[in-house]
Each structure stands twice: as structure tokens, then as C-alpha cells.
Amino acid sequence: MIWKLVLLTWLGSVPKMVQDVPVDDLRDCNRQIAHYEQEWVDAPKEFVAVMYCAQGKIHYD
């Protein structure tokens, strides 16, 4: 999936992200991205994914 690649690249912490993010959070993030894609049809998928996953739905310590 493109959003995972973008998110990994954007965060720049691949091993930490893979270890720290619960599967349920990733699924929730996917659902939220799909919701935003329906509302913002013109927004690039990568932008929506990075923006939403980074701001509140998936937390990185």
C-alpha cells in the first residue's frame, strides 16, 4: 500500500514504527484515510495518508 511507504519514509524511523504501532491503530488509520478520501476527492492519497496518520490517530513515542 502506498500510504505505508509514504508514512515510513516521512517518519524516517522504520524499525521503531514497525515495532511500536499496534495493528488496530493501522487499521483505524486506514479507515480514516478512506473516509477522508471520500470527502476530499481531489486530495492526493499520499498527502491524506501522511497528514492523518501523523496527526492523532497513530501515536509515535
C-alpha atoms as a PDB file:
ATOM      1  CA  MET A   1       0.000   0.000   0.000  1.00  0.00           C
ATOM      2  CA  ILE A   2       1.278   3.425  -0.929  1.00  0.00           C
ATOM      3  CA  TRP A   3       0.332   5.108   2.365  1.00  0.00           C
ATOM      4  CA  LYS A   4       2.529   2.733   4.350  1.00  0.00           C
ATOM      5  CA  LEU A   5       5.532   3.521   2.179  1.00  0.00           C
ATOM      6  CA  VAL A   6       4.909   7.253   2.430  1.00  0.00           C
ATOM      7  CA  LEU A   7       4.394   7.063   6.179  1.00  0.00           C
ATOM      8  CA  LEU A   8       7.565   5.040   6.678  1.00  0.00           C
ATOM      9  CA  THR A   9       9.555   7.456   4.535  1.00  0.00           C
ATOM     10  CA  TRP A  10       8.082  10.539   6.160  1.00  0.00           C
ATOM     11  CA  LEU A  11       8.751   9.375   9.711  1.00  0.00           C
ATOM     12  CA  GLY A  12      12.222   8.113   8.901  1.00  0.00           C
ATOM     13  CA  SER A  13      12.118   5.519  11.675  1.00  0.00           C
ATOM     14  CA  VAL A  14      11.150   2.275  10.027  1.00  0.00           C
ATOM     15  CA  PRO A  15      12.184  -0.299  12.673  1.00  0.00           C
ATOM     16  CA  LYS A  16      10.731   1.719  15.567  1.00  0.00           C
ATOM     17  CA  MET A  17       7.476   2.313  13.722  1.00  0.00           C
ATOM     18  CA  VAL A  18       7.019  -1.355  12.861  1.00  0.00           C
ATOM     19  CA  GLN A  19       7.594  -2.377  16.478  1.00  0.00           C
ATOM     20  CA  ASP A  20       5.560   0.336  18.192  1.00  0.00           C
ATOM     21  CA  VAL A  21       2.394   0.648  16.116  1.00  0.00           C
ATOM     22  CA  PRO A  22      -0.425  -1.732  17.083  1.00  0.00           C
ATOM     23  CA  VAL A  23      -2.206  -3.436  14.191  1.00  0.00           C
ATOM     24  CA  ASP A  24      -5.529  -1.993  15.337  1.00  0.00           C
ATOM     25  CA  ASP A  25      -4.128   1.531  15.018  1.00  0.00           C
ATOM     26  CA  LEU A  26      -3.040   0.837  11.453  1.00  0.00           C
ATOM     27  CA  ARG A  27      -6.490  -0.494  10.606  1.00  0.00           C
ATOM     28  CA  ASP A  28      -8.133   2.542  12.187  1.00  0.00           C
ATOM     29  CA  CYS A  29      -5.822   4.805  10.233  1.00  0.00           C
ATOM     30  CA  ASN A  30      -6.796   3.016   7.029  1.00  0.00           C
ATOM     31  CA  ARG A  31     -10.486   3.539   7.774  1.00  0.00           C
ATOM     32  CA  GLN A  32      -9.956   7.225   8.496  1.00  0.00           C
ATOM     33  CA  ILE A  33      -7.957   7.676   5.285  1.00  0.00           C
ATOM     34  CA  ALA A  34     -10.771   6.078   3.296  1.00  0.00           C
ATOM     35  CA  HIS A  35     -13.232   8.447   4.983  1.00  0.00           C
ATOM     36  CA  TYR A  36     -11.146  11.491   4.076  1.00  0.00           C
ATOM     37  CA  GLU A  37     -10.666  10.285   0.515  1.00  0.00           C
ATOM     38  CA  GLN A  38     -14.444  10.248   0.108  1.00  0.00           C
ATOM     39  CA  GLU A  39     -14.709  13.835   1.378  1.00  0.00           C
ATOM     40  CA  TRP A  40     -11.621  15.238  -0.332  1.00  0.00           C
ATOM     41  CA  VAL A  41     -11.769  13.623  -3.739  1.00  0.00           C
ATOM     42  CA  ASP A  42      -9.179  15.998  -5.190  1.00  0.00           C
ATOM     43  CA  ALA A  43      -6.603  15.498  -2.439  1.00  0.00           C
ATOM     44  CA  PRO A  44      -3.634  13.262  -3.335  1.00  0.00           C
ATOM     45  CA  LYS A  45      -3.847   9.945  -1.500  1.00  0.00           C
ATOM     46  CA  GLU A  46      -0.293  10.230  -0.172  1.00  0.00           C
ATOM     47  CA  PHE A  47      -0.981  13.649   1.354  1.00  0.00           C
ATOM     48  CA  VAL A  48      -4.149  12.500   3.079  1.00  0.00           C
ATOM     49  CA  ALA A  49      -2.429   9.380   4.441  1.00  0.00           C
ATOM     50  CA  VAL A  50       0.596  11.175   5.848  1.00  0.00           C
ATOM     51  CA  MET A  51      -1.434  14.028   7.274  1.00  0.00           C
ATOM     52  CA  TYR A  52      -3.981  11.901   9.060  1.00  0.00           C
ATOM     53  CA  CYS A  53      -1.753   9.093  10.279  1.00  0.00           C
ATOM     54  CA  ALA A  54       0.691  11.625  11.684  1.00  0.00           C
ATOM     55  CA  GLN A  55      -1.815  13.871  13.468  1.00  0.00           C
ATOM     56  CA  GLY A  56      -3.552  11.980  16.203  1.00  0.00           C
ATOM     57  CA  LYS A  57      -4.750   8.582  15.000  1.00  0.00           C
ATOM     58  CA  ILE A  58      -1.428   6.785  15.294  1.00  0.00           C
ATOM     59  CA  HIS A  59       0.916   7.962  18.026  1.00  0.00           C
ATOM     60  CA  TYR A  60       4.695   7.552  17.990  1.00  0.00           C
ATOM     61  CA  ASP A  61       6.676   7.968  21.186  1.00  0.00           C
END
